[in-house]
């Protein structure tokens, strides 16, 4: 597999997570995820475009004015790619949430599965 395949999948992943409009988010999720694609992290375990988009909408409700940004390079082999990210405030640049994801790609390059890990979360 080529690095560009991994980078393209990761770019589409962040495009979907950073879409703030419901219509744009639905389109971005459909472009990034296979129809029965899954997203699993400590707070969510969902399948399909509508459920994935709902998790993203919830993140934007909880963290308005933030965007997801990749940290470092994506690292892939076979149909699997891993990368790290931060949730960054557009107002002050703070990043209270950070994580790492391991993604499995379908043959068409869209996401089949995401296993997300939260490396940094806000304290109560």
N, C-alpha and C. Protein backbone atom coordinates (compact mmCIF):
# COMPACT_ATOMS: atom_id res chain seq x y z
N UNK A 1 0.84 -1.20 0.00
CA UNK A 1 0.00 0.00 0.00
C UNK A 1 0.88 1.25 0.00
N UNK A 2 0.40 2.28 -0.62
CA UNK A 2 1.20 3.50 -0.72
C UNK A 2 0.88 4.46 0.42
N UNK A 3 1.89 5.26 0.76
CA UNK A 3 1.70 6.26 1.81
C UNK A 3 0.57 7.22 1.43
N UNK A 4 0.44 7.53 0.14
CA UNK A 4 -0.61 8.47 -0.27
C UNK A 4 -2.00 7.90 0.03
N UNK A 5 -2.17 6.58 -0.05
CA UNK A 5 -3.46 5.97 0.29
C UNK A 5 -3.79 6.22 1.76
N UNK A 6 -2.79 6.06 2.62
CA UNK A 6 -3.00 6.32 4.05
C UNK A 6 -3.28 7.80 4.29
N UNK A 7 -2.46 8.66 3.68
CA UNK A 7 -2.61 10.10 3.89
C UNK A 7 -3.97 10.59 3.40
N UNK A 8 -4.44 10.07 2.26
CA UNK A 8 -5.74 10.47 1.74
C UNK A 8 -6.86 10.05 2.68
N UNK A 9 -6.78 8.84 3.21
CA UNK A 9 -7.81 8.36 4.13
C UNK A 9 -7.82 9.21 5.40
N UNK A 10 -6.65 9.55 5.91
CA UNK A 10 -6.56 10.36 7.13
C UNK A 10 -7.08 11.77 6.86
N UNK A 11 -6.76 12.33 5.70
CA UNK A 11 -7.26 13.66 5.36
C UNK A 11 -8.79 13.67 5.31
N UNK A 12 -9.38 12.64 4.70
CA UNK A 12 -10.85 12.56 4.65
C UNK A 12 -11.44 12.38 6.05
N UNK A 13 -10.75 11.63 6.90
CA UNK A 13 -11.16 11.44 8.29
C UNK A 13 -11.27 12.80 8.99
N UNK A 14 -10.23 13.62 8.89
CA UNK A 14 -10.25 14.93 9.56
C UNK A 14 -11.25 15.88 8.92
N UNK A 15 -11.44 15.78 7.61
CA UNK A 15 -12.46 16.61 6.95
C UNK A 15 -13.83 16.31 7.55
N UNK A 16 -14.12 15.03 7.77
CA UNK A 16 -15.40 14.65 8.36
C UNK A 16 -15.51 15.15 9.80
N UNK A 17 -14.48 14.92 10.60
CA UNK A 17 -14.54 15.35 12.00
C UNK A 17 -14.65 16.86 12.14
N UNK A 18 -14.10 17.61 11.21
CA UNK A 18 -14.09 19.08 11.32
C UNK A 18 -15.26 19.75 10.61
N UNK A 19 -16.12 18.98 9.97
CA UNK A 19 -17.30 19.57 9.33
C UNK A 19 -18.29 19.99 10.42
N UNK A 20 -18.65 21.27 10.44
CA UNK A 20 -19.54 21.77 11.49
C UNK A 20 -21.00 21.81 11.03
N UNK A 21 -21.22 21.75 9.74
CA UNK A 21 -22.57 21.76 9.17
C UNK A 21 -23.02 20.32 8.98
N UNK A 22 -24.26 20.01 9.34
CA UNK A 22 -24.76 18.63 9.29
C UNK A 22 -24.71 18.05 7.88
N UNK A 23 -25.05 18.85 6.87
CA UNK A 23 -25.06 18.35 5.49
C UNK A 23 -23.63 18.08 5.02
N UNK A 24 -22.73 19.01 5.30
CA UNK A 24 -21.32 18.82 4.92
C UNK A 24 -20.73 17.62 5.67
N UNK A 25 -21.11 17.45 6.93
CA UNK A 25 -20.60 16.32 7.72
C UNK A 25 -21.09 15.01 7.12
N UNK A 26 -22.37 14.92 6.78
CA UNK A 26 -22.92 13.69 6.21
C UNK A 26 -22.19 13.34 4.91
N UNK A 27 -21.93 14.33 4.07
CA UNK A 27 -21.22 14.09 2.81
C UNK A 27 -19.79 13.64 3.08
N UNK A 28 -19.12 14.29 4.03
CA UNK A 28 -17.73 13.95 4.34
C UNK A 28 -17.63 12.55 4.96
N UNK A 29 -18.58 12.19 5.80
CA UNK A 29 -18.58 10.85 6.39
C UNK A 29 -18.76 9.80 5.30
N UNK A 30 -19.68 10.05 4.37
CA UNK A 30 -19.91 9.10 3.28
C UNK A 30 -18.68 8.94 2.40
N UNK A 31 -17.91 10.01 2.23
CA UNK A 31 -16.69 9.94 1.44
C UNK A 31 -15.57 9.23 2.19
N UNK A 32 -15.57 9.33 3.52
CA UNK A 32 -14.48 8.79 4.32
C UNK A 32 -14.72 7.36 4.78
N UNK A 33 -15.97 7.00 5.10
CA UNK A 33 -16.29 5.69 5.69
C UNK A 33 -17.04 4.81 4.71
N UNK A 34 -16.79 3.51 4.75
CA UNK A 34 -17.62 2.56 4.01
C UNK A 34 -19.01 2.54 4.68
N UNK A 35 -20.01 2.06 3.96
CA UNK A 35 -21.40 2.13 4.43
C UNK A 35 -21.58 1.51 5.82
N UNK A 36 -20.90 0.40 6.08
CA UNK A 36 -21.06 -0.26 7.38
C UNK A 36 -19.85 -0.02 8.27
N UNK A 37 -19.10 1.06 7.98
CA UNK A 37 -17.91 1.38 8.75
C UNK A 37 -18.24 1.65 10.22
N UNK A 38 -17.24 1.41 11.07
CA UNK A 38 -17.44 1.57 12.51
C UNK A 38 -16.49 2.61 13.08
N UNK A 39 -16.89 3.14 14.23
CA UNK A 39 -16.05 4.04 15.02
C UNK A 39 -16.20 3.61 16.47
N UNK A 40 -15.08 3.26 17.10
CA UNK A 40 -15.09 2.82 18.49
C UNK A 40 -13.99 3.55 19.26
N UNK A 41 -14.37 4.18 20.36
CA UNK A 41 -13.40 4.76 21.30
C UNK A 41 -13.96 4.54 22.70
N UNK A 42 -13.30 5.03 23.75
CA UNK A 42 -13.81 4.77 25.10
C UNK A 42 -15.23 5.29 25.36
N UNK A 43 -15.70 6.24 24.53
CA UNK A 43 -17.00 6.87 24.76
C UNK A 43 -18.06 6.49 23.74
N UNK A 44 -17.68 5.79 22.68
CA UNK A 44 -18.62 5.50 21.59
C UNK A 44 -18.29 4.16 20.95
N UNK A 45 -19.33 3.52 20.44
CA UNK A 45 -19.18 2.29 19.66
C UNK A 45 -20.33 2.28 18.66
N UNK A 46 -20.08 2.79 17.45
CA UNK A 46 -21.15 3.01 16.49
C UNK A 46 -20.80 2.40 15.14
N UNK A 47 -21.85 2.19 14.32
CA UNK A 47 -21.70 1.61 12.99
C UNK A 47 -22.59 2.39 12.01
N UNK A 48 -22.06 2.62 10.82
CA UNK A 48 -22.83 3.25 9.76
C UNK A 48 -22.67 4.76 9.75
N UNK A 49 -22.95 5.35 8.61
CA UNK A 49 -22.73 6.78 8.41
C UNK A 49 -23.49 7.66 9.40
N UNK A 50 -24.77 7.38 9.62
CA UNK A 50 -25.57 8.25 10.49
C UNK A 50 -25.05 8.24 11.91
N UNK A 51 -24.69 7.06 12.42
CA UNK A 51 -24.21 6.99 13.81
C UNK A 51 -22.83 7.62 13.96
N UNK A 52 -21.95 7.43 12.96
CA UNK A 52 -20.64 8.07 13.00
C UNK A 52 -20.80 9.59 13.00
N UNK A 53 -21.66 10.10 12.12
CA UNK A 53 -21.90 11.54 12.05
C UNK A 53 -22.48 12.07 13.35
N UNK A 54 -23.33 11.29 14.02
CA UNK A 54 -23.92 11.72 15.29
C UNK A 54 -22.85 11.87 16.37
N UNK A 55 -21.88 10.96 16.40
CA UNK A 55 -20.78 11.07 17.36
C UNK A 55 -20.00 12.36 17.11
N UNK A 56 -19.76 12.66 15.84
CA UNK A 56 -19.04 13.89 15.49
C UNK A 56 -19.82 15.12 15.90
N UNK A 57 -21.12 15.11 15.66
CA UNK A 57 -21.97 16.24 16.06
C UNK A 57 -21.90 16.44 17.57
N UNK A 58 -21.91 15.35 18.31
CA UNK A 58 -21.81 15.44 19.78
C UNK A 58 -20.50 16.07 20.23
N UNK A 59 -19.41 15.74 19.53
CA UNK A 59 -18.11 16.34 19.88
C UNK A 59 -18.13 17.85 19.65
N UNK A 60 -18.77 18.28 18.55
CA UNK A 60 -18.85 19.71 18.27
C UNK A 60 -19.75 20.43 19.28
N UNK A 61 -20.78 19.75 19.76
CA UNK A 61 -21.63 20.35 20.79
C UNK A 61 -20.87 20.49 22.10
N UNK A 62 -20.07 19.50 22.43
CA UNK A 62 -19.30 19.53 23.69
C UNK A 62 -18.13 20.50 23.62
N UNK A 63 -17.54 20.65 22.43
CA UNK A 63 -16.36 21.50 22.24
C UNK A 63 -16.58 22.47 21.08
N UNK A 64 -17.49 23.44 21.25
CA UNK A 64 -17.70 24.41 20.16
C UNK A 64 -16.45 25.27 19.97
N UNK A 65 -16.16 25.58 18.72
CA UNK A 65 -14.99 26.41 18.43
C UNK A 65 -13.67 25.66 18.48
N UNK A 66 -13.74 24.33 18.39
CA UNK A 66 -12.53 23.51 18.36
C UNK A 66 -12.45 22.78 17.03
N UNK A 67 -11.23 22.39 16.64
CA UNK A 67 -11.08 21.54 15.47
C UNK A 67 -10.06 20.45 15.75
N UNK A 68 -10.23 19.33 15.07
CA UNK A 68 -9.31 18.21 15.19
C UNK A 68 -8.14 18.44 14.26
N UNK A 69 -6.92 18.23 14.78
CA UNK A 69 -5.71 18.40 13.97
C UNK A 69 -4.80 17.19 14.15
N UNK A 70 -4.29 16.71 13.05
CA UNK A 70 -3.34 15.61 13.09
C UNK A 70 -2.04 16.08 13.72
N UNK A 71 -1.43 15.25 14.54
CA UNK A 71 -0.11 15.53 15.09
C UNK A 71 0.83 14.45 14.58
N UNK A 72 1.89 14.86 13.93
CA UNK A 72 2.84 13.89 13.38
C UNK A 72 2.32 13.27 12.10
N UNK A 73 3.07 12.30 11.60
CA UNK A 73 2.75 11.66 10.34
C UNK A 73 1.93 10.40 10.57
N UNK A 74 1.13 10.05 9.57
CA UNK A 74 0.41 8.78 9.60
C UNK A 74 1.40 7.67 9.27
N UNK A 75 1.22 6.52 9.93
CA UNK A 75 2.09 5.37 9.75
C UNK A 75 1.22 4.18 9.36
N UNK A 76 1.47 3.60 8.19
CA UNK A 76 0.60 2.53 7.74
C UNK A 76 1.32 1.32 7.20
N UNK A 77 0.64 0.21 7.21
CA UNK A 77 1.05 -1.00 6.51
C UNK A 77 -0.20 -1.80 6.17
N UNK A 78 -0.14 -2.54 5.07
CA UNK A 78 -1.27 -3.32 4.58
C UNK A 78 -2.51 -2.42 4.50
N UNK A 79 -3.60 -2.78 5.14
CA UNK A 79 -4.82 -1.96 5.11
C UNK A 79 -5.01 -1.19 6.41
N UNK A 80 -3.94 -0.98 7.17
CA UNK A 80 -4.04 -0.36 8.49
C UNK A 80 -3.17 0.89 8.55
N UNK A 81 -3.72 1.94 9.17
CA UNK A 81 -2.96 3.17 9.36
C UNK A 81 -3.23 3.69 10.77
N UNK A 82 -2.19 4.23 11.39
CA UNK A 82 -2.35 4.82 12.73
C UNK A 82 -1.85 6.26 12.68
N UNK A 83 -2.44 7.09 13.53
CA UNK A 83 -2.06 8.50 13.59
C UNK A 83 -2.53 9.07 14.92
N UNK A 84 -1.98 10.22 15.26
CA UNK A 84 -2.37 10.91 16.48
C UNK A 84 -3.00 12.25 16.14
N UNK A 85 -3.74 12.79 17.10
CA UNK A 85 -4.49 14.02 16.85
C UNK A 85 -4.66 14.79 18.16
N UNK A 86 -5.01 16.06 18.02
CA UNK A 86 -5.39 16.91 19.15
C UNK A 86 -6.68 17.64 18.78
N UNK A 87 -7.46 17.97 19.79
CA UNK A 87 -8.64 18.82 19.63
C UNK A 87 -8.23 20.21 20.10
N UNK A 88 -8.14 21.14 19.14
CA UNK A 88 -7.52 22.44 19.39
C UNK A 88 -8.56 23.55 19.38
N UNK A 89 -8.48 24.43 20.38
CA UNK A 89 -9.34 25.61 20.44
C UNK A 89 -8.89 26.62 19.39
N UNK A 90 -9.85 27.07 18.56
CA UNK A 90 -9.52 28.09 17.56
C UNK A 90 -9.31 29.45 18.23
N UNK A 91 -9.83 29.61 19.44
CA UNK A 91 -9.72 30.89 20.15
C UNK A 91 -8.34 31.08 20.77
N UNK A 92 -7.84 30.06 21.48
CA UNK A 92 -6.59 30.26 22.22
C UNK A 92 -5.52 29.21 21.95
N UNK A 93 -5.80 28.24 21.08
CA UNK A 93 -4.80 27.25 20.73
C UNK A 93 -4.61 26.13 21.74
N UNK A 94 -5.38 26.17 22.83
CA UNK A 94 -5.25 25.09 23.81
C UNK A 94 -5.78 23.79 23.21
N UNK A 95 -5.25 22.67 23.71
CA UNK A 95 -5.65 21.37 23.18
C UNK A 95 -5.94 20.44 24.36
N UNK A 96 -7.16 20.53 24.92
CA UNK A 96 -7.48 19.76 26.12
C UNK A 96 -7.65 18.27 25.88
N UNK A 97 -7.86 17.87 24.61
CA UNK A 97 -8.08 16.47 24.28
C UNK A 97 -7.08 16.06 23.20
N UNK A 98 -6.49 14.87 23.37
CA UNK A 98 -5.60 14.32 22.37
C UNK A 98 -5.79 12.81 22.34
N UNK A 99 -5.51 12.23 21.19
CA UNK A 99 -5.67 10.80 21.09
C UNK A 99 -4.89 10.21 19.94
N UNK A 100 -5.04 8.89 19.82
CA UNK A 100 -4.42 8.13 18.74
C UNK A 100 -5.47 7.19 18.19
N UNK A 101 -5.49 7.02 16.88
CA UNK A 101 -6.46 6.16 16.24
C UNK A 101 -5.75 5.14 15.35
N UNK A 102 -6.33 3.95 15.30
CA UNK A 102 -5.88 2.91 14.40
C UNK A 102 -7.05 2.62 13.47
N UNK A 103 -6.82 2.77 12.17
CA UNK A 103 -7.88 2.70 11.17
C UNK A 103 -7.59 1.55 10.20
N UNK A 104 -8.62 0.79 9.89
CA UNK A 104 -8.53 -0.24 8.85
C UNK A 104 -9.29 0.26 7.63
N UNK A 105 -8.67 0.13 6.47
CA UNK A 105 -9.26 0.63 5.24
C UNK A 105 -9.89 -0.50 4.42
N UNK A 106 -10.99 -0.17 3.77
CA UNK A 106 -11.62 -1.08 2.81
C UNK A 106 -10.85 -1.01 1.50
N UNK A 107 -11.18 -1.90 0.58
CA UNK A 107 -10.49 -1.93 -0.71
C UNK A 107 -10.57 -0.61 -1.46
N UNK A 108 -11.70 0.10 -1.32
CA UNK A 108 -11.87 1.37 -2.03
C UNK A 108 -11.17 2.54 -1.34
N UNK A 109 -10.45 2.26 -0.25
CA UNK A 109 -9.70 3.30 0.45
C UNK A 109 -10.48 4.01 1.53
N UNK A 110 -11.78 3.70 1.63
CA UNK A 110 -12.56 4.31 2.71
C UNK A 110 -12.34 3.52 4.00
N UNK A 111 -12.73 4.14 5.10
CA UNK A 111 -12.52 3.57 6.42
C UNK A 111 -13.52 2.44 6.68
N UNK A 112 -13.00 1.29 7.12
CA UNK A 112 -13.83 0.17 7.54
C UNK A 112 -14.01 0.22 9.06
N UNK A 113 -12.91 0.42 9.79
CA UNK A 113 -12.99 0.50 11.26
C UNK A 113 -12.07 1.57 11.78
N UNK A 114 -12.48 2.19 12.89
CA UNK A 114 -11.62 3.09 13.66
C UNK A 114 -11.62 2.59 15.09
N UNK A 115 -10.44 2.40 15.64
CA UNK A 115 -10.28 2.15 17.07
C UNK A 115 -9.55 3.36 17.63
N UNK A 116 -10.25 4.15 18.44
CA UNK A 116 -9.70 5.38 18.97
C UNK A 116 -9.30 5.24 20.42
N UNK A 117 -8.20 5.88 20.78
CA UNK A 117 -7.70 5.90 22.16
C UNK A 117 -7.54 7.35 22.58
N UNK A 118 -7.99 7.66 23.78
CA UNK A 118 -7.87 9.01 24.32
C UNK A 118 -6.60 9.08 25.17
N UNK A 119 -5.64 9.89 24.73
CA UNK A 119 -4.37 10.01 25.42
C UNK A 119 -4.39 11.14 26.44
N UNK A 120 -5.22 12.15 26.20
CA UNK A 120 -5.33 13.29 27.13
C UNK A 120 -6.78 13.74 27.12
N UNK A 121 -7.36 13.89 28.31
CA UNK A 121 -8.73 14.37 28.43
C UNK A 121 -8.76 15.46 29.50
N UNK A 122 -9.75 16.37 29.42
CA UNK A 122 -9.83 17.44 30.43
C UNK A 122 -10.17 16.86 31.79
N UNK A 123 -9.61 17.48 32.82
CA UNK A 123 -9.94 17.09 34.17
C UNK A 123 -11.22 17.81 34.57
N UNK A 124 -12.01 17.18 35.40
CA UNK A 124 -13.32 17.73 35.78
C UNK A 124 -13.16 18.97 36.63
